[in-house]
């Protein structure tokens, strides 16, 4: 069950949980909500990666199928995707 602070002020809840972790007060941590947030972060990162890869593939297909010179916009998309993927935590997998 979600704690009252978690429901009322998410930012204050995150600060409180971080302070308890740093102080080693593990028994006081809101474990259920903390576990849910960690899972949610992982899902968000995964969806972001999948979305960026889909955009990259779409642009690669456009690039491949175009007979005209490659537009600058596609080049910038490739650079952005490359930077994201190289900085992503998924790059280590």
PDB file of N, CA and C in Angstrom:
ATOM      1  N   UNK A   1       0.841  -1.187   0.000  1.00  0.00           N
ATOM      2  CA  UNK A   1       0.000   0.000   0.000  1.00  0.00           C
ATOM      3  C   UNK A   1       0.888   1.254   0.000  1.00  0.00           C
ATOM      4  N   UNK A   2       0.556   2.211  -0.814  1.00  0.00           N
ATOM      5  CA  UNK A   2       1.355   3.425  -0.947  1.00  0.00           C
ATOM      6  C   UNK A   2       1.319   4.251   0.338  1.00  0.00           C
ATOM      7  N   UNK A   3       2.472   4.791   0.684  1.00  0.00           N
ATOM      8  CA  UNK A   3       2.542   5.641   1.871  1.00  0.00           C
ATOM      9  C   UNK A   3       1.854   6.970   1.584  1.00  0.00           C
ATOM     10  N   UNK A   4       1.468   7.634   2.646  1.00  0.00           N
ATOM     11  CA  UNK A   4       0.758   8.904   2.504  1.00  0.00           C
ATOM     12  C   UNK A   4       1.633   9.956   1.815  1.00  0.00           C
ATOM     13  N   UNK A   5       2.906  10.040   2.220  1.00  0.00           N
ATOM     14  CA  UNK A   5       3.804  11.031   1.632  1.00  0.00           C
ATOM     15  C   UNK A   5       4.008  10.732   0.146  1.00  0.00           C
ATOM     16  N   UNK A   6       4.145   9.468  -0.212  1.00  0.00           N
ATOM     17  CA  UNK A   6       4.312   9.057  -1.609  1.00  0.00           C
ATOM     18  C   UNK A   6       3.143   9.560  -2.457  1.00  0.00           C
ATOM     19  N   UNK A   7       1.945   9.470  -1.939  1.00  0.00           N
ATOM     20  CA  UNK A   7       0.750   9.897  -2.671  1.00  0.00           C
ATOM     21  C   UNK A   7       0.590  11.414  -2.704  1.00  0.00           C
ATOM     22  N   UNK A   8       1.043  12.100  -1.666  1.00  0.00           N
ATOM     23  CA  UNK A   8       0.818  13.540  -1.556  1.00  0.00           C
ATOM     24  C   UNK A   8       1.944  14.379  -2.160  1.00  0.00           C
ATOM     25  N   UNK A   9       3.179  13.968  -1.953  1.00  0.00           N
ATOM     26  CA  UNK A   9       4.320  14.770  -2.406  1.00  0.00           C
ATOM     27  C   UNK A   9       5.438  13.830  -2.841  1.00  0.00           C
ATOM     28  N   UNK A  10       5.402  13.439  -4.096  1.00  0.00           N
ATOM     29  CA  UNK A  10       6.341  12.453  -4.628  1.00  0.00           C
ATOM     30  C   UNK A  10       7.796  12.907  -4.458  1.00  0.00           C
ATOM     31  N   UNK A  11       8.058  14.165  -4.747  1.00  0.00           N
ATOM     32  CA  UNK A  11       9.427  14.671  -4.636  1.00  0.00           C
ATOM     33  C   UNK A  11       9.939  14.580  -3.201  1.00  0.00           C
ATOM     34  N   UNK A  12       9.128  14.980  -2.247  1.00  0.00           N
ATOM     35  CA  UNK A  12       9.532  14.893  -0.834  1.00  0.00           C
ATOM     36  C   UNK A  12       9.748  13.431  -0.443  1.00  0.00           C
ATOM     37  N   UNK A  13       8.912  12.536  -0.961  1.00  0.00           N
ATOM     38  CA  UNK A  13       9.062  11.108  -0.680  1.00  0.00           C
ATOM     39  C   UNK A  13      10.407  10.598  -1.198  1.00  0.00           C
ATOM     40  N   UNK A  14      10.785  10.992  -2.426  1.00  0.00           N
ATOM     41  CA  UNK A  14      12.060  10.524  -2.986  1.00  0.00           C
ATOM     42  C   UNK A  14      13.240  11.042  -2.161  1.00  0.00           C
ATOM     43  N   UNK A  15      13.169  12.300  -1.742  1.00  0.00           N
ATOM     44  CA  UNK A  15      14.244  12.865  -0.916  1.00  0.00           C
ATOM     45  C   UNK A  15      14.343  12.126   0.415  1.00  0.00           C
ATOM     46  N   UNK A  16      13.200  11.819   1.014  1.00  0.00           N
ATOM     47  CA  UNK A  16      13.175  11.114   2.295  1.00  0.00           C
ATOM     48  C   UNK A  16      13.756   9.702   2.164  1.00  0.00           C
ATOM     49  N   UNK A  17      13.372   9.006   1.105  1.00  0.00           N
ATOM     50  CA  UNK A  17      13.871   7.642   0.903  1.00  0.00           C
ATOM     51  C   UNK A  17      15.385   7.648   0.654  1.00  0.00           C
ATOM     52  N   UNK A  18      15.864   8.605  -0.115  1.00  0.00           N
ATOM     53  CA  UNK A  18      17.298   8.718  -0.379  1.00  0.00           C
ATOM     54  C   UNK A  18      18.062   9.008   0.915  1.00  0.00           C
ATOM     55  N   UNK A  19      17.531   9.878   1.745  1.00  0.00           N
ATOM     56  CA  UNK A  19      18.190  10.209   3.017  1.00  0.00           C
ATOM     57  C   UNK A  19      18.254   8.981   3.922  1.00  0.00           C
ATOM     58  N   UNK A  20      17.180   8.214   3.954  1.00  0.00           N
ATOM     59  CA  UNK A  20      17.167   7.001   4.778  1.00  0.00           C
ATOM     60  C   UNK A  20      18.177   5.980   4.256  1.00  0.00           C
ATOM     61  N   UNK A  21      18.262   5.845   2.949  1.00  0.00           N
ATOM     62  CA  UNK A  21      19.245   4.928   2.366  1.00  0.00           C
ATOM     63  C   UNK A  21      20.664   5.344   2.731  1.00  0.00           C
ATOM     64  N   UNK A  22      20.957   6.624   2.557  1.00  0.00           N
ATOM     65  CA  UNK A  22      22.297   7.123   2.844  1.00  0.00           C
ATOM     66  C   UNK A  22      22.661   6.985   4.332  1.00  0.00           C
ATOM     67  N   UNK A  23      21.652   7.121   5.186  1.00  0.00           N
ATOM     68  CA  UNK A  23      21.893   7.025   6.634  1.00  0.00           C
ATOM     69  C   UNK A  23      21.907   5.567   7.104  1.00  0.00           C
ATOM     70  N   UNK A  24      21.609   4.633   6.202  1.00  0.00           N
ATOM     71  CA  UNK A  24      21.600   3.225   6.577  1.00  0.00           C
ATOM     72  C   UNK A  24      20.370   2.802   7.349  1.00  0.00           C
ATOM     73  N   UNK A  25      19.332   3.627   7.312  1.00  0.00           N
ATOM     74  CA  UNK A  25      18.090   3.320   8.033  1.00  0.00           C
ATOM     75  C   UNK A  25      17.168   2.503   7.120  1.00  0.00           C
ATOM     76  N   UNK A  26      17.644   1.345   6.727  1.00  0.00           N
ATOM     77  CA  UNK A  26      16.977   0.509   5.734  1.00  0.00           C
ATOM     78  C   UNK A  26      15.617   0.013   6.218  1.00  0.00           C
ATOM     79  N   UNK A  27      15.485  -0.212   7.501  1.00  0.00           N
ATOM     80  CA  UNK A  27      14.216  -0.730   8.025  1.00  0.00           C
ATOM     81  C   UNK A  27      13.092   0.300   7.933  1.00  0.00           C
ATOM     82  N   UNK A  28      13.436   1.571   7.741  1.00  0.00           N
ATOM     83  CA  UNK A  28      12.427   2.631   7.666  1.00  0.00           C
ATOM     84  C   UNK A  28      12.004   2.952   6.230  1.00  0.00           C
ATOM     85  N   UNK A  29      12.631   2.318   5.261  1.00  0.00           N
ATOM     86  CA  UNK A  29      12.362   2.623   3.851  1.00  0.00           C
ATOM     87  C   UNK A  29      11.020   2.055   3.417  1.00  0.00           C
ATOM     88  N   UNK A  30      10.340   2.787   2.579  1.00  0.00           N
ATOM     89  CA  UNK A  30       9.062   2.377   1.989  1.00  0.00           C
ATOM     90  C   UNK A  30       9.379   1.403   0.839  1.00  0.00           C
ATOM     91  N   UNK A  31       9.615   0.135   1.209  1.00  0.00           N
ATOM     92  CA  UNK A  31      10.117  -0.846   0.260  1.00  0.00           C
ATOM     93  C   UNK A  31       9.179  -1.106  -0.915  1.00  0.00           C
ATOM     94  N   UNK A  32       7.902  -1.212  -0.659  1.00  0.00           N
ATOM     95  CA  UNK A  32       6.945  -1.520  -1.728  1.00  0.00           C
ATOM     96  C   UNK A  32       6.944  -0.443  -2.813  1.00  0.00           C
ATOM     97  N   UNK A  33       6.826   0.808  -2.393  1.00  0.00           N
ATOM     98  CA  UNK A  33       6.789   1.896  -3.369  1.00  0.00           C
ATOM     99  C   UNK A  33       8.153   2.103  -4.028  1.00  0.00           C
ATOM    100  N   UNK A  34       9.228   1.907  -3.264  1.00  0.00           N
ATOM    101  CA  UNK A  34      10.566   2.048  -3.818  1.00  0.00           C
ATOM    102  C   UNK A  34      10.813   0.991  -4.906  1.00  0.00           C
ATOM    103  N   UNK A  35      10.429  -0.244  -4.637  1.00  0.00           N
ATOM    104  CA  UNK A  35      10.581  -1.313  -5.630  1.00  0.00           C
ATOM    105  C   UNK A  35       9.768  -1.003  -6.880  1.00  0.00           C
ATOM    106  N   UNK A  36       8.575  -0.488  -6.703  1.00  0.00           N
ATOM    107  CA  UNK A  36       7.724  -0.128  -7.840  1.00  0.00           C
ATOM    108  C   UNK A  36       8.364   0.975  -8.680  1.00  0.00           C
ATOM    109  N   UNK A  37       8.951   1.954  -8.018  1.00  0.00           N
ATOM    110  CA  UNK A  37       9.604   3.049  -8.736  1.00  0.00           C
ATOM    111  C   UNK A  37      10.826   2.565  -9.511  1.00  0.00           C
ATOM    112  N   UNK A  38      11.595   1.672  -8.930  1.00  0.00           N
ATOM    113  CA  UNK A  38      12.774   1.140  -9.617  1.00  0.00           C
ATOM    114  C   UNK A  38      12.346   0.366 -10.860  1.00  0.00           C
ATOM    115  N   UNK A  39      11.302  -0.461 -10.735  1.00  0.00           N
ATOM    116  CA  UNK A  39      10.790  -1.192 -11.899  1.00  0.00           C
ATOM    117  C   UNK A  39      10.291  -0.231 -12.968  1.00  0.00           C
ATOM    118  N   UNK A  40       9.620   0.819 -12.539  1.00  0.00           N
ATOM    119  CA  UNK A  40       9.091   1.810 -13.475  1.00  0.00           C
ATOM    120  C   UNK A  40      10.214   2.513 -14.233  1.00  0.00           C
ATOM    121  N   UNK A  41      11.302   2.835 -13.530  1.00  0.00           N
ATOM    122  CA  UNK A  41      12.449   3.466 -14.189  1.00  0.00           C
ATOM    123  C   UNK A  41      13.027   2.545 -15.251  1.00  0.00           C
ATOM    124  N   UNK A  42      13.139   1.272 -14.931  1.00  0.00           N
ATOM    125  CA  UNK A  42      13.669   0.311 -15.886  1.00  0.00           C
ATOM    126  C   UNK A  42      12.795   0.208 -17.128  1.00  0.00           C
ATOM    127  N   UNK A  43      11.474   0.181 -16.931  1.00  0.00           N
ATOM    128  CA  UNK A  43      10.545   0.136 -18.070  1.00  0.00           C
ATOM    129  C   UNK A  43      10.665   1.395 -18.918  1.00  0.00           C
ATOM    130  N   UNK A  44      10.757   2.531 -18.269  1.00  0.00           N
ATOM    131  CA  UNK A  44      10.874   3.793 -19.009  1.00  0.00           C
ATOM    132  C   UNK A  44      12.135   3.812 -19.865  1.00  0.00           C
ATOM    133  N   UNK A  45      13.251   3.380 -19.284  1.00  0.00           N
ATOM    134  CA  UNK A  45      14.502   3.334 -20.039  1.00  0.00           C
ATOM    135  C   UNK A  45      14.383   2.390 -21.228  1.00  0.00           C
ATOM    136  N   UNK A  46      13.767   1.236 -21.012  1.00  0.00           N
ATOM    137  CA  UNK A  46      13.614   0.250 -22.079  1.00  0.00           C
ATOM    138  C   UNK A  46      12.750   0.813 -23.207  1.00  0.00           C
ATOM    139  N   UNK A  47      11.612   1.427 -22.864  1.00  0.00           N
ATOM    140  CA  UNK A  47      10.725   1.994 -23.883  1.00  0.00           C
ATOM    141  C   UNK A  47      11.408   3.117 -24.649  1.00  0.00           C
ATOM    142  N   UNK A  48      12.199   3.913 -23.960  1.00  0.00           N
ATOM    143  CA  UNK A  48      12.943   4.992 -24.616  1.00  0.00           C
ATOM    144  C   UNK A  48      13.922   4.411 -25.627  1.00  0.00           C
ATOM    145  N   UNK A  49      14.619   3.372 -25.238  1.00  0.00           N
ATOM    146  CA  UNK A  49      15.569   2.724 -26.140  1.00  0.00           C
ATOM    147  C   UNK A  49      14.855   2.159 -27.366  1.00  0.00           C
ATOM    148  N   UNK A  50      13.764   1.446 -27.159  1.00  0.00           N
ATOM    149  CA  UNK A  50      13.008   0.859 -28.270  1.00  0.00           C
ATOM    150  C   UNK A  50      12.489   1.950 -29.199  1.00  0.00           C
ATOM    151  N   UNK A  51      11.992   3.042 -28.637  1.00  0.00           N
ATOM    152  CA  UNK A  51      11.474   4.150 -29.446  1.00  0.00           C
ATOM    153  C   UNK A  51      12.578   4.773 -30.297  1.00  0.00           C
ATOM    154  N   UNK A  52      13.722   5.008 -29.696  1.00  0.00           N
ATOM    155  CA  UNK A  52      14.827   5.611 -30.455  1.00  0.00           C
ATOM    156  C   UNK A  52      15.331   4.682 -31.549  1.00  0.00           C
ATOM    157  N   UNK A  53      15.363   3.388 -31.268  1.00  0.00           N
ATOM    158  CA  UNK A  53      15.784   2.433 -32.297  1.00  0.00           C
ATOM    159  C   UNK A  53      14.780   2.395 -33.448  1.00  0.00           C
ATOM    160  N   UNK A  54      13.492   2.496 -33.141  1.00  0.00           N
ATOM    161  CA  UNK A  54      12.466   2.513 -34.182  1.00  0.00           C
ATOM    162  C   UNK A  54      12.618   3.747 -35.074  1.00  0.00           C
ATOM    163  N   UNK A  55      12.865   4.902 -34.471  1.00  0.00           N
ATOM    164  CA  UNK A  55      13.080   6.133 -35.243  1.00  0.00           C
ATOM    165  C   UNK A  55      14.332   5.992 -36.105  1.00  0.00           C
ATOM    166  N   UNK A  56      15.390   5.450 -35.522  1.00  0.00           N
ATOM    167  CA  UNK A  56      16.627   5.256 -36.269  1.00  0.00           C
ATOM    168  C   UNK A  56      16.409   4.320 -37.459  1.00  0.00           C
ATOM    169  N   UNK A  57      15.716   3.216 -37.253  1.00  0.00           N
ATOM    170  CA  UNK A  57      15.451   2.285 -38.353  1.00  0.00           C
ATOM    171  C   UNK A  57      14.594   2.919 -39.439  1.00  0.00           C
ATOM    172  N   UNK A  58      13.592   3.681 -39.040  1.00  0.00           N
ATOM    173  CA  UNK A  58      12.747   4.359 -40.021  1.00  0.00           C
ATOM    174  C   UNK A  58      13.573   5.324 -40.866  1.00  0.00           C
ATOM    175  N   UNK A  59      14.442   6.068 -40.223  1.00  0.00           N
ATOM    176  CA  UNK A  59      15.270   7.012 -40.969  1.00  0.00           C
ATOM    177  C   UNK A  59      16.299   6.300 -41.840  1.00  0.00           C
ATOM    178  N   UNK A  60      16.814   5.187 -41.370  1.00  0.00           N
ATOM    179  CA  UNK A  60      17.748   4.408 -42.193  1.00  0.00           C
ATOM    180  C   UNK A  60      17.051   3.878 -43.446  1.00  0.00           C
ATOM    181  N   UNK A  61      15.804   3.452 -43.280  1.00  0.00           N
ATOM    182  CA  UNK A  61      15.042   2.994 -44.446  1.00  0.00           C
ATOM    183  C   UNK A  61      14.795   4.136 -45.429  1.00  0.00           C
ATOM    184  N   UNK A  62      14.439   5.303 -44.915  1.00  0.00           N
ATOM    185  CA  UNK A  62      14.244   6.470 -45.782  1.00  0.00           C
ATOM    186  C   UNK A  62      15.544   6.803 -46.509  1.00  0.00           C
ATOM    187  N   UNK A  63      16.628   6.789 -45.766  1.00  0.00           N
ATOM    188  CA  UNK A  63      17.946   7.097 -46.323  1.00  0.00           C
ATOM    189  C   UNK A  63      18.264   6.121 -47.450  1.00  0.00           C
ATOM    190  N   UNK A  64      18.021   4.852 -47.199  1.00  0.00           N
ATOM    191  CA  UNK A  64      18.341   3.791 -48.166  1.00  0.00           C
ATOM    192  C   UNK A  64      17.483   3.902 -49.432  1.00  0.00           C
ATOM    193  N   UNK A  65      16.231   4.281 -49.274  1.00  0.00           N
ATOM    194  CA  UNK A  65      15.293   4.303 -50.396  1.00  0.00           C
ATOM    195  C   UNK A  65      15.333   5.599 -51.204  1.00  0.00           C
ATOM    196  N   UNK A  66      15.897   6.637 -50.659  1.00  0.00           N
ATOM    197  CA  UNK A  66      15.930   7.911 -51.373  1.00  0.00           C
ATOM    198  C   UNK A  66      17.027   7.906 -52.432  1.00  0.00           C
ATOM    199  N   UNK A  67      16.675   8.443 -53.597  1.00  0.00           N
ATOM    200  CA  UNK A  67      17.678   8.538 -54.658  1.00  0.00           C
ATOM    201  C   UNK A  67      18.371   9.896 -54.639  1.00  0.00           C
ATOM    202  N   UNK A  68      17.778  10.846 -53.934  1.00  0.00           N
ATOM    203  CA  UNK A  68      18.354  12.192 -53.838  1.00  0.00           C
ATOM    204  C   UNK A  68      19.464  12.202 -52.787  1.00  0.00           C
ATOM    205  N   UNK A  69      20.266  13.256 -52.770  1.00  0.00           N
ATOM    206  CA  UNK A  69      21.283  13.370 -51.720  1.00  0.00           C
ATOM    207  C   UNK A  69      20.632  13.321 -50.332  1.00  0.00           C
ATOM    208  N   UNK A  70      21.344  12.793 -49.384  1.00  0.00           N
ATOM    209  CA  UNK A  70      20.797  12.592 -48.047  1.00  0.00           C
ATOM    210  C   UNK A  70      20.627  13.919 -47.314  1.00  0.00           C
ATOM    211  N   UNK A  71      19.407  14.176 -46.831  1.00  0.00           N
ATOM    212  CA  UNK A  71      19.156  15.450 -46.135  1.00  0.00           C
ATOM    213  C   UNK A  71      19.884  15.535 -44.794  1.00  0.00           C
ATOM    214  N   UNK A  72      20.190  16.747 -44.414  1.00  0.00           N
ATOM    215  CA  UNK A  72      20.895  17.018 -43.163  1.00  0.00           C
ATOM    216  C   UNK A  72      20.100  16.546 -41.958  1.00  0.00           C
ATOM    217  N   UNK A  73      18.766  16.631 -42.045  1.00  0.00           N
ATOM    218  CA  UNK A  73      17.921  16.243 -40.917  1.00  0.00           C
ATOM    219  C   UNK A  73      18.138  14.771 -40.546  1.00  0.00           C
ATOM    220  N   UNK A  74      18.250  13.907 -41.534  1.00  0.00           N
ATOM    221  CA  UNK A  74      18.484  12.494 -41.250  1.00  0.00           C
ATOM    222  C   UNK A  74      19.851  12.300 -40.606  1.00  0.00           C
ATOM    223  N   UNK A  75      20.839  13.034 -41.091  1.00  0.00           N
ATOM    224  CA  UNK A  75      22.184  12.933 -40.503  1.00  0.00           C
ATOM    225  C   UNK A  75      22.167  13.333 -39.034  1.00  0.00           C
ATOM    226  N   UNK A  76      21.424  14.384 -38.709  1.00  0.00           N
ATOM    227  CA  UNK A  76      21.370  14.819 -37.316  1.00  0.00           C
ATOM    228  C   UNK A  76      20.644  13.783 -36.458  1.00  0.00           C
ATOM    229  N   UNK A  77      19.626  13.118 -37.021  1.00  0.00           N
ATOM    230  CA  UNK A  77      18.939  12.056 -36.285  1.00  0.00           C
ATOM    231  C   UNK A  77      19.892  10.922 -35.974  1.00  0.00           C
ATOM    232  N   UNK A  78      20.720  10.559 -36.934  1.00  0.00           N
ATOM    233  CA  UNK A  78      21.684   9.483 -36.712  1.00  0.00           C
ATOM    234  C   UNK A  78      22.657   9.859 -35.599  1.00  0.00           C
ATOM    235  N   UNK A  79      23.104  11.095 -35.601  1.00  0.00           N
ATOM    236  CA  UNK A  79      24.046  11.544 -34.567  1.00  0.00           C
ATOM    237  C   UNK A  79      23.400  11.508 -33.188  1.00  0.00           C
ATOM    238  N   UNK A  80      22.159  11.981 -33.089  1.00  0.00           N
ATOM    239  CA  UNK A  80      21.452  11.988 -31.807  1.00  0.00           C
ATOM    240  C   UNK A  80      21.262  10.564 -31.309  1.00  0.00           C
ATOM    241  N   UNK A  81      20.823   9.669 -32.188  1.00  0.00           N
ATOM    242  CA  UNK A  81      20.612   8.274 -31.794  1.00  0.00           C
ATOM    243  C   UNK A  81      21.926   7.619 -31.385  1.00  0.00           C
ATOM    244  N   UNK A  82      22.984   7.916 -32.110  1.00  0.00           N
ATOM    245  CA  UNK A  82      24.283   7.328 -31.789  1.00  0.00           C
ATOM    246  C   UNK A  82      24.749   7.801 -30.407  1.00  0.00           C
ATOM    247  N   UNK A  83      24.573   9.080 -30.117  1.00  0.00           N
ATOM    248  CA  UNK A  83      24.974   9.613 -28.811  1.00  0.00           C
ATOM    249  C   UNK A  83      24.152   8.974 -27.697  1.00  0.00           C
ATOM    250  N   UNK A  84      22.830   8.864 -27.907  1.00  0.00           N
ATOM    251  CA  UNK A  84      21.965   8.271 -26.897  1.00  0.00           C
ATOM    252  C   UNK A  84      22.359   6.826 -26.630  1.00  0.00           C
ATOM    253  N   UNK A  85      22.577   6.074 -27.701  1.00  0.00           N
ATOM    254  CA  UNK A  85      22.902   4.655 -27.544  1.00  0.00           C
ATOM    255  C   UNK A  85      24.262   4.456 -26.887  1.00  0.00           C
ATOM    256  N   UNK A  86      25.215   5.310 -27.187  1.00  0.00           N
ATOM    257  CA  UNK A  86      26.536   5.157 -26.580  1.00  0.00           C
ATOM    258  C   UNK A  86      26.524   5.544 -25.099  1.00  0.00           C
ATOM    259  N   UNK A  87      25.628   6.450 -24.699  1.00  0.00           N
ATOM    260  CA  UNK A  87      25.528   6.869 -23.303  1.00  0.00           C
ATOM    261  C   UNK A  87      24.557   6.005 -22.509  1.00  0.00           C
ATOM    262  N   UNK A  88      23.753   5.219 -23.194  1.00  0.00           N
ATOM    263  CA  UNK A  88      22.714   4.425 -22.546  1.00  0.00           C
ATOM    264  C   UNK A  88      23.312   3.320 -21.696  1.00  0.00           C
ATOM    265  N   UNK A  89      22.621   3.011 -20.620  1.00  0.00           N
ATOM    266  CA  UNK A  89      23.063   1.909 -19.760  1.00  0.00           C
ATOM    267  C   UNK A  89      22.926   0.574 -20.470  1.00  0.00           C
ATOM    268  N   UNK A  90      22.134   0.541 -21.545  1.00  0.00           N
ATOM    269  CA  UNK A  90      21.947  -0.689 -22.293  1.00  0.00           C
ATOM    270  C   UNK A  90      23.139  -0.980 -23.199  1.00  0.00           C
ATOM    271  N   UNK A  91      24.009   0.002 -23.417  1.00  0.00           N
ATOM    272  CA  UNK A  91      25.167  -0.191 -24.278  1.00  0.00           C
ATOM    273  C   UNK A  91      26.143  -1.190 -23.665  1.00  0.00           C
ATOM    274  N   UNK A  92      26.104  -1.349 -22.364  1.00  0.00           N
ATOM    275  CA  UNK A  92      27.014  -2.260 -21.678  1.00  0.00           C
ATOM    276  C   UNK A  92      26.560  -3.708 -21.727  1.00  0.00           C
ATOM    277  N   UNK A  93      25.348  -3.947 -22.193  1.00  0.00           N
ATOM    278  CA  UNK A  93      24.801  -5.315 -22.187  1.00  0.00           C
ATOM    279  C   UNK A  93      25.267  -6.112 -23.357  1.00  0.00           C
TER     280      UNK A  93
END
